[in-house]
C-alpha atoms as a PDB file:
ATOM      1  CA  MET A   1       6.766 -24.462  -5.364  1.00  0.00           C
ATOM      2  CA  ASN A   2       6.533 -28.051  -4.140  1.00  0.00           C
ATOM      3  CA  ARG A   3       3.435 -30.177  -4.623  1.00  0.00           C
ATOM      4  CA  GLY A   4       2.241 -29.821  -1.018  1.00  0.00           C
ATOM      5  CA  ALA A   5       2.698 -26.042  -0.973  1.00  0.00           C
ATOM      6  CA  PHE A   6       0.941 -25.757  -4.343  1.00  0.00           C
ATOM      7  CA  PHE A   7      -2.170 -27.562  -3.141  1.00  0.00           C
ATOM      8  CA  ALA A   8      -2.128 -25.688   0.154  1.00  0.00           C
ATOM      9  CA  SER A   9      -2.007 -22.376  -1.748  1.00  0.00           C
ATOM     10  CA  SER A  10      -4.849 -23.518  -4.037  1.00  0.00           C
ATOM     11  CA  ALA A  11      -6.956 -24.511  -1.019  1.00  0.00           C
ATOM     12  CA  ALA A  12      -6.237 -21.212   0.676  1.00  0.00           C
ATOM     13  CA  LEU A  13      -7.420 -19.238  -2.367  1.00  0.00           C
ATOM     14  CA  ALA A  14     -10.549 -21.377  -2.716  1.00  0.00           C
ATOM     15  CA  HIS A  15     -11.311 -20.794   0.972  1.00  0.00           C
ATOM     16  CA  ALA A  16     -10.643 -17.061   0.713  1.00  0.00           C
ATOM     17  CA  VAL A  17     -12.951 -16.734  -2.283  1.00  0.00           C
ATOM     18  CA  ARG A  18     -15.632 -18.909  -0.690  1.00  0.00           C
ATOM     19  CA  VAL A  19     -15.793 -17.033   2.648  1.00  0.00           C
ATOM     20  CA  ALA A  20     -15.265 -13.488   1.322  1.00  0.00           C
ATOM     21  CA  ALA A  21     -18.608 -12.037   2.401  1.00  0.00           C
ATOM     22  CA  GLN A  22     -17.492  -8.399   2.515  1.00  0.00           C
ATOM     23  CA  PRO A  23     -17.973  -6.226  -0.597  1.00  0.00           C
ATOM     24  CA  ILE A  24     -15.027  -5.988  -2.973  1.00  0.00           C
ATOM     25  CA  PRO A  25     -13.499  -2.513  -2.620  1.00  0.00           C
ATOM     26  CA  GLY A  26     -14.051  -0.779  -5.949  1.00  0.00           C
ATOM     27  CA  GLY A  27     -15.911  -3.735  -7.412  1.00  0.00           C
ATOM     28  CA  SER A  28     -14.702  -6.517  -9.661  1.00  0.00           C
ATOM     29  CA  ASP A  29     -14.401  -4.726 -13.024  1.00  0.00           C
ATOM     30  CA  LEU A  30     -11.132  -3.682 -14.533  1.00  0.00           C
ATOM     31  CA  VAL A  31     -12.324  -0.077 -14.560  1.00  0.00           C
ATOM     32  CA  GLU A  32     -13.885   1.056 -11.273  1.00  0.00           C
ATOM     33  CA  ARG A  33     -17.163   2.997 -11.736  1.00  0.00           C
ATOM     34  CA  ALA A  34     -18.278   6.042  -9.758  1.00  0.00           C
ATOM     35  CA  ASP A  35     -21.044   4.093  -7.984  1.00  0.00           C
ATOM     36  CA  GLU A  36     -18.426   1.556  -6.788  1.00  0.00           C
ATOM     37  CA  PHE A  37     -15.965   4.174  -5.551  1.00  0.00           C
ATOM     38  CA  ASP A  38     -16.117   5.101  -1.856  1.00  0.00           C
ATOM     39  CA  GLY A  39     -15.694   8.807  -2.515  1.00  0.00           C
ATOM     40  CA  ALA A  40     -16.722   9.714   0.982  1.00  0.00           C
ATOM     41  CA  ALA A  41     -13.928   7.673   2.536  1.00  0.00           C
ATOM     42  CA  PHE A  42     -11.452   9.206   0.085  1.00  0.00           C
ATOM     43  CA  ARG A  43     -12.551  12.771   0.830  1.00  0.00           C
ATOM     44  CA  GLN A  44     -12.547  12.181   4.585  1.00  0.00           C
ATOM     45  CA  ALA A  45      -8.996  10.849   4.408  1.00  0.00           C
ATOM     46  CA  VAL A  46      -7.421  13.441   2.177  1.00  0.00           C
ATOM     47  CA  ASP A  47      -9.357  16.576   3.073  1.00  0.00           C
ATOM     48  CA  ARG A  48      -8.734  16.810   6.788  1.00  0.00           C
ATOM     49  CA  PRO A  49      -7.544  20.206   7.996  1.00  0.00           C
ATOM     50  CA  ALA A  50      -3.787  20.682   7.272  1.00  0.00           C
ATOM     51  CA  ARG A  51      -1.507  23.557   6.453  1.00  0.00           C
ATOM     52  CA  ILE A  52       0.972  21.400   4.560  1.00  0.00           C
ATOM     53  CA  ARG A  53      -0.189  18.751   2.096  1.00  0.00           C
ATOM     54  CA  GLN A  54       2.324  16.567   0.304  1.00  0.00           C
ATOM     55  CA  LEU A  55       1.853  13.680  -2.109  1.00  0.00           C
ATOM     56  CA  TYR A  56       4.358  10.891  -2.755  1.00  0.00           C
ATOM     57  CA  GLU A  57       3.940   8.862  -5.942  1.00  0.00           C
ATOM     58  CA  SER A  58       5.726   5.474  -6.096  1.00  0.00           C
ATOM     59  CA  VAL A  59       5.708   3.162  -9.118  1.00  0.00           C
ATOM     60  CA  ALA A  60       8.854   1.038  -9.032  1.00  0.00           C
ATOM     61  CA  PHE A  61       9.195  -0.934  -5.812  1.00  0.00           C
ATOM     62  CA  ARG A  62      11.963   0.937  -4.005  1.00  0.00           C
ATOM     63  CA  PRO A  63      11.578   0.889  -0.198  1.00  0.00           C
ATOM     64  CA  GLY A  64      13.683   4.055   0.155  1.00  0.00           C
ATOM     65  CA  VAL A  65      10.506   6.019  -0.531  1.00  0.00           C
ATOM     66  CA  LEU A  66       9.277   5.218   2.983  1.00  0.00           C
ATOM     67  CA  ASN A  67      12.436   6.768   4.408  1.00  0.00           C
ATOM     68  CA  ASN A  68      11.729   9.867   2.328  1.00  0.00           C
ATOM     69  CA  ILE A  69       8.258  10.072   3.775  1.00  0.00           C
ATOM     70  CA  LYS A  70       9.613   9.714   7.288  1.00  0.00           C
ATOM     71  CA  ASN A  71      12.049  12.530   6.562  1.00  0.00           C
ATOM     72  CA  SER A  72       9.208  14.746   5.315  1.00  0.00           C
ATOM     73  CA  PHE A  73       7.305  14.259   8.574  1.00  0.00           C
ATOM     74  CA  ASN A  74      10.447  14.957  10.610  1.00  0.00           C
ATOM     75  CA  GLY A  75      11.602  17.959   8.581  1.00  0.00           C
ATOM     76  CA  LEU A  76       8.198  19.607   8.623  1.00  0.00           C
ATOM     77  CA  GLN A  77       7.578  18.907  12.332  1.00  0.00           C
ATOM     78  CA  PHE A  78      11.007  19.465  13.876  1.00  0.00           C
ATOM     79  CA  GLY A  79      12.748  21.635  11.320  1.00  0.00           C
ATOM     80  CA  PHE A  80      10.024  23.928  10.017  1.00  0.00           C
ATOM     81  CA  GLY A  81       7.995  23.727  13.251  1.00  0.00           C
ATOM     82  CA  TYR A  82       4.631  22.668  11.890  1.00  0.00           C
ATOM     83  CA  PRO A  83       2.495  20.811  14.445  1.00  0.00           C
ATOM     84  CA  ALA A  84       1.962  17.133  13.583  1.00  0.00           C
ATOM     85  CA  ALA A  85      -1.791  17.821  13.154  1.00  0.00           C
ATOM     86  CA  ALA A  86      -1.067  20.446  10.494  1.00  0.00           C
ATOM     87  CA  ILE A  87       0.722  17.957   8.219  1.00  0.00           C
ATOM     88  CA  SER A  88      -1.081  15.704   5.726  1.00  0.00           C
ATOM     89  CA  ILE A  89       1.006  13.338   3.569  1.00  0.00           C
ATOM     90  CA  VAL A  90      -0.440  10.901   1.036  1.00  0.00           C
ATOM     91  CA  PHE A  91       1.399   7.785  -0.187  1.00  0.00           C
ATOM     92  CA  ALA A  92       0.223   6.937  -3.742  1.00  0.00           C
ATOM     93  CA  PRO A  93       1.740   3.590  -4.754  1.00  0.00           C
ATOM     94  CA  HIS A  94       0.760   1.934  -8.040  1.00  0.00           C
ATOM     95  CA  GLY A  95       2.372  -0.369 -10.543  1.00  0.00           C
ATOM     96  CA  ALA A  96       4.787  -2.719  -8.684  1.00  0.00           C
ATOM     97  CA  SER A  97       4.522  -0.483  -5.595  1.00  0.00           C
ATOM     98  CA  SER A  98       0.903  -1.543  -5.088  1.00  0.00           C
ATOM     99  CA  ALA A  99       2.370  -4.550  -3.247  1.00  0.00           C
ATOM    100  CA  TYR A 100       3.139  -2.276  -0.300  1.00  0.00           C
ATOM    101  CA  CYS A 101      -0.630  -2.462   0.412  1.00  0.00           C
ATOM    102  CA  TYR A 102      -0.906  -6.294   0.259  1.00  0.00           C
ATOM    103  CA  ARG A 103      -1.170  -8.281   3.468  1.00  0.00           C
ATOM    104  CA  ASP A 104       1.241 -11.113   4.243  1.00  0.00           C
ATOM    105  CA  GLU A 105      -1.175 -13.803   3.056  1.00  0.00           C
ATOM    106  CA  ILE A 106      -1.224 -12.202  -0.426  1.00  0.00           C
ATOM    107  CA  TRP A 107       2.587 -12.014  -0.490  1.00  0.00           C
ATOM    108  CA  GLN A 108       2.736 -15.685   0.447  1.00  0.00           C
ATOM    109  CA  ARG A 109      -0.118 -17.012  -1.718  1.00  0.00           C
ATOM    110  CA  TYR A 110       1.155 -15.324  -4.911  1.00  0.00           C
ATOM    111  CA  ARG A 111       4.901 -15.258  -4.105  1.00  0.00           C
ATOM    112  CA  ILE A 112       4.984 -11.470  -4.479  1.00  0.00           C
ATOM    113  CA  GLY A 113       8.651 -11.238  -3.541  1.00  0.00           C
ATOM    114  CA  GLU A 114       9.550 -13.669  -6.303  1.00  0.00           C
ATOM    115  CA  PHE A 115       7.160 -11.959  -8.721  1.00  0.00           C
ATOM    116  CA  LEU A 116       8.762  -8.551  -8.088  1.00  0.00           C
ATOM    117  CA  LYS A 117      12.279 -10.039  -7.883  1.00  0.00           C
ATOM    118  CA  LEU A 118      12.790  -8.752  -4.321  1.00  0.00           C
ATOM    119  CA  THR A 119      15.357 -10.651  -2.242  1.00  0.00           C
ATOM    120  CA  ASP A 120      16.356 -10.631   1.385  1.00  0.00           C
ATOM    121  CA  SER A 121      19.847 -10.529   2.860  1.00  0.00           C
ATOM    122  CA  GLN A 122      20.301 -14.194   2.062  1.00  0.00           C
ATOM    123  CA  GLY A 123      19.412 -13.701  -1.588  1.00  0.00           C
ATOM    124  CA  LEU A 124      16.025 -15.429  -1.180  1.00  0.00           C
ATOM    125  CA  PRO A 125      12.693 -13.996  -2.374  1.00  0.00           C
ATOM    126  CA  VAL A 126      11.100 -11.802   0.267  1.00  0.00           C
ATOM    127  CA  ALA A 127       8.342 -13.973   1.718  1.00  0.00           C
ATOM    128  CA  SER A 128       6.106 -11.392   3.452  1.00  0.00           C
ATOM    129  CA  ASN A 129       5.296  -7.692   3.505  1.00  0.00           C
ATOM    130  CA  THR A 130       8.186  -6.667   5.801  1.00  0.00           C
ATOM    131  CA  PHE A 131       7.483  -2.962   5.194  1.00  0.00           C
ATOM    132  CA  VAL A 132       4.332  -2.752   7.339  1.00  0.00           C
ATOM    133  CA  SER A 133       4.946  -3.673  10.982  1.00  0.00           C
ATOM    134  CA  GLN A 134       6.163  -0.823  13.233  1.00  0.00           C
ATOM    135  CA  ARG A 135       9.500  -1.355  14.861  1.00  0.00           C
ATOM    136  CA  ALA A 136       9.443   1.270  17.595  1.00  0.00           C
ATOM    137  CA  ARG A 137       7.074   2.128  20.392  1.00  0.00           C
ATOM    138  CA  PHE A 138       4.702   4.994  19.606  1.00  0.00           C
ATOM    139  CA  ASP A 139       5.918   7.736  21.927  1.00  0.00           C
ATOM    140  CA  VAL A 140       5.547  11.368  20.861  1.00  0.00           C
ATOM    141  CA  ALA A 141       8.045  12.367  23.593  1.00  0.00           C
ATOM    142  CA  ALA A 142      10.810  10.275  21.908  1.00  0.00           C
ATOM    143  CA  ALA A 143      13.924  12.099  20.804  1.00  0.00           C
ATOM    144  CA  PRO A 144      13.828  12.762  17.039  1.00  0.00           C
ATOM    145  CA  ASP A 145      17.462  11.592  16.690  1.00  0.00           C
ATOM    146  CA  ASP A 146      16.884   8.265  18.511  1.00  0.00           C
ATOM    147  CA  GLU A 147      17.409   5.662  15.795  1.00  0.00           C
ATOM    148  CA  GLY A 148      15.407   3.171  17.805  1.00  0.00           C
ATOM    149  CA  GLY A 149      12.552   5.594  18.381  1.00  0.00           C
ATOM    150  CA  MET A 150       9.329   6.300  16.535  1.00  0.00           C
ATOM    151  CA  TYR A 151      10.630   9.282  14.581  1.00  0.00           C
ATOM    152  CA  GLN A 152      13.214   7.119  12.839  1.00  0.00           C
ATOM    153  CA  ASP A 153      10.816   4.237  12.188  1.00  0.00           C
ATOM    154  CA  ALA A 154       9.955   4.190   8.473  1.00  0.00           C
ATOM    155  CA  SER A 155       7.455   1.312   8.642  1.00  0.00           C
ATOM    156  CA  LEU A 156       4.032   1.869   7.099  1.00  0.00           C
ATOM    157  CA  GLU A 157       2.305   1.267  10.473  1.00  0.00           C
ATOM    158  CA  MET A 158       4.326   3.936  12.206  1.00  0.00           C
ATOM    159  CA  LEU A 159       3.975   6.388   9.329  1.00  0.00           C
ATOM    160  CA  GLN A 160       0.197   5.782   9.373  1.00  0.00           C
ATOM    161  CA  ARG A 161       0.098   6.422  13.078  1.00  0.00           C
ATOM    162  CA  ARG A 162       1.842   9.691  12.364  1.00  0.00           C
ATOM    163  CA  GLY A 163      -0.876  10.562   9.851  1.00  0.00           C
ATOM    164  CA  LEU A 164       0.185   9.030   6.548  1.00  0.00           C
ATOM    165  CA  ILE A 165      -2.726   8.371   4.184  1.00  0.00           C
ATOM    166  CA  VAL A 166      -2.146   5.203   2.114  1.00  0.00           C
ATOM    167  CA  LEU A 167      -3.988   4.824  -1.179  1.00  0.00           C
ATOM    168  CA  THR A 168      -4.384   1.674  -3.276  1.00  0.00           C
ATOM    169  CA  CYS A 169      -4.944   1.689  -7.041  1.00  0.00           C
ATOM    170  CA  HIS A 170      -7.857  -0.487  -8.096  1.00  0.00           C
ATOM    171  CA  THR A 171      -6.653  -0.643 -11.716  1.00  0.00           C
ATOM    172  CA  ALA A 172      -3.143  -1.632 -10.647  1.00  0.00           C
ATOM    173  CA  VAL A 173      -4.533  -4.508  -8.551  1.00  0.00           C
ATOM    174  CA  GLU A 174      -6.560  -5.722 -11.530  1.00  0.00           C
ATOM    175  CA  GLU A 175      -3.484  -5.540 -13.719  1.00  0.00           C
ATOM    176  CA  HIS A 176      -1.389  -7.328 -11.111  1.00  0.00           C
ATOM    177  CA  ALA A 177      -3.973 -10.089 -10.989  1.00  0.00           C
ATOM    178  CA  ARG A 178      -3.684 -10.563 -14.758  1.00  0.00           C
ATOM    179  CA  ALA A 179       0.093 -10.656 -14.624  1.00  0.00           C
ATOM    180  CA  LEU A 180       0.158 -13.109 -11.696  1.00  0.00           C
ATOM    181  CA  ALA A 181      -2.157 -15.450 -13.594  1.00  0.00           C
ATOM    182  CA  ALA A 182      -0.242 -15.117 -16.886  1.00  0.00           C
ATOM    183  CA  ARG A 183       3.139 -15.758 -15.329  1.00  0.00           C
ATOM    184  CA  GLY A 184       2.098 -18.749 -13.235  1.00  0.00           C
ATOM    185  CA  PHE A 185       2.167 -17.159  -9.793  1.00  0.00           C
ATOM    186  CA  ALA A 186      -1.441 -17.990  -8.966  1.00  0.00           C
ATOM    187  CA  PRO A 187      -2.937 -21.343  -7.816  1.00  0.00           C
ATOM    188  CA  ALA A 188      -4.182 -23.564 -10.606  1.00  0.00           C
ATOM    189  CA  GLY A 189      -7.655 -22.684 -11.771  1.00  0.00           C
ATOM    190  CA  ALA A 190      -7.759 -19.242 -10.197  1.00  0.00           C
ATOM    191  CA  SER A 191      -9.331 -16.669 -12.504  1.00  0.00           C
ATOM    192  CA  ARG A 192      -7.984 -13.176 -12.827  1.00  0.00           C
ATOM    193  CA  GLY A 193     -11.137 -11.900 -11.194  1.00  0.00           C
ATOM    194  CA  GLN A 194     -10.769 -14.229  -8.213  1.00  0.00           C
ATOM    195  CA  ILE A 195      -7.154 -13.094  -7.768  1.00  0.00           C
ATOM    196  CA  ALA A 196      -8.059  -9.410  -7.900  1.00  0.00           C
ATOM    197  CA  ASP A 197     -10.944  -9.892  -5.462  1.00  0.00           C
ATOM    198  CA  ASP A 198      -8.639 -11.834  -3.131  1.00  0.00           C
ATOM    199  CA  ILE A 199      -6.084  -9.009  -3.145  1.00  0.00           C
ATOM    200  CA  LEU A 200      -8.630  -6.241  -2.741  1.00  0.00           C
ATOM    201  CA  THR A 201     -10.149  -7.952   0.325  1.00  0.00           C
ATOM    202  CA  HIS A 202      -6.699  -8.470   1.868  1.00  0.00           C
ATOM    203  CA  LEU A 203      -5.200  -4.996   1.901  1.00  0.00           C
ATOM    204  CA  ILE A 204      -3.301  -3.593   4.888  1.00  0.00           C
ATOM    205  CA  PRO A 205      -5.441  -1.725   7.458  1.00  0.00           C
ATOM    206  CA  GLY A 206      -6.230   1.818   6.542  1.00  0.00           C
ATOM    207  CA  ALA A 207      -5.593   1.521   2.791  1.00  0.00           C
ATOM    208  CA  VAL A 208      -8.102   3.551   0.758  1.00  0.00           C
ATOM    209  CA  VAL A 209      -8.901   2.160  -2.695  1.00  0.00           C
ATOM    210  CA  VAL A 210      -9.071   4.687  -5.556  1.00  0.00           C
ATOM    211  CA  PRO A 211     -10.233   3.958  -9.123  1.00  0.00           C
ATOM    212  CA  ALA A 212      -6.924   4.771 -10.788  1.00  0.00           C
ATOM    213  CA  MET A 213      -3.891   6.234  -9.043  1.00  0.00           C
ATOM    214  CA  VAL A 214      -2.871   8.481 -11.950  1.00  0.00           C
ATOM    215  CA  ALA A 215      -6.352   9.999 -11.825  1.00  0.00           C
ATOM    216  CA  ALA A 216      -6.300  10.312  -8.020  1.00  0.00           C
ATOM    217  CA  ILE A 217      -2.952  12.137  -8.236  1.00  0.00           C
ATOM    218  CA  ALA A 218      -4.527  14.723 -10.572  1.00  0.00           C
ATOM    219  CA  VAL A 219      -7.486  15.183  -8.194  1.00  0.00           C
ATOM    220  CA  LEU A 220      -5.234  15.503  -5.167  1.00  0.00           C
ATOM    221  CA  GLN A 221      -3.240  18.273  -6.851  1.00  0.00           C
ATOM    222  CA  ALA A 222      -6.089  20.128  -8.507  1.00  0.00           C
ATOM    223  CA  ALA A 223      -8.862  19.809  -5.935  1.00  0.00           C
ATOM    224  CA  TYR A 224      -7.003  19.333  -2.639  1.00  0.00           C
ATOM    225  CA  ARG A 225      -3.777  21.342  -3.284  1.00  0.00           C
ATOM    226  CA  TYR A 226      -1.322  18.518  -2.522  1.00  0.00           C
ATOM    227  CA  THR A 227       2.272  19.180  -3.597  1.00  0.00           C
ATOM    228  CA  TYR A 228       3.536  16.366  -5.830  1.00  0.00           C
ATOM    229  CA  LEU A 229       6.778  14.496  -5.280  1.00  0.00           C
ATOM    230  CA  ALA A 230       8.112  11.377  -6.989  1.00  0.00           C
ATOM    231  CA  PRO A 231      11.597  10.547  -5.532  1.00  0.00           C
ATOM    232  CA  GLN A 232      14.118   9.277  -8.053  1.00  0.00           C
ATOM    233  CA  LEU A 233      15.682   6.518  -5.921  1.00  0.00           C
END
């Protein structure tokens, strides 16, 4: 990072920390406590009426998982004939995959693409969260086979519009913050707590923070009868 970009990044973090008036989702401790967890938001998201409930765990950052989720929606809706409203799918990223839930400013401020060793078609580090923005128009009358239509759009925005529930692991964010600081990907002087708070207040719209994803996965299976799937991509 050049000198100008370094100071710009430092200033951006200082500004973000200074103006962050909203509460930190899950609090600022490494281990989220029950009184900091928005259990009502979690239950409302995952316990809506549905005949089919499926859970995708993602740890390593492999974008093919979003295509798998798209195929689940399509197979259940068009192949097995379940109405869209009867399908509930949860995306449970943690570890490196937590970065799916980070907004562009986080990807840029902490060089997430470089941190995760993700490169674009030119071999350069991915500079933003390119997995979020929808590519097709939302049109439920679109042909399922139309590769330019909504049913073949595997972006997070489109999948969320189709009903995908996206969770974010509080513990993974805290651990990411520590790794970013230790490996020199954070602006000078930024504490691990500041980095974690910055990330937690800059998540993609709709992301629901859970205390620990591995615990949430157990709850989703035991209490809410979600079928577990972890694609080996």
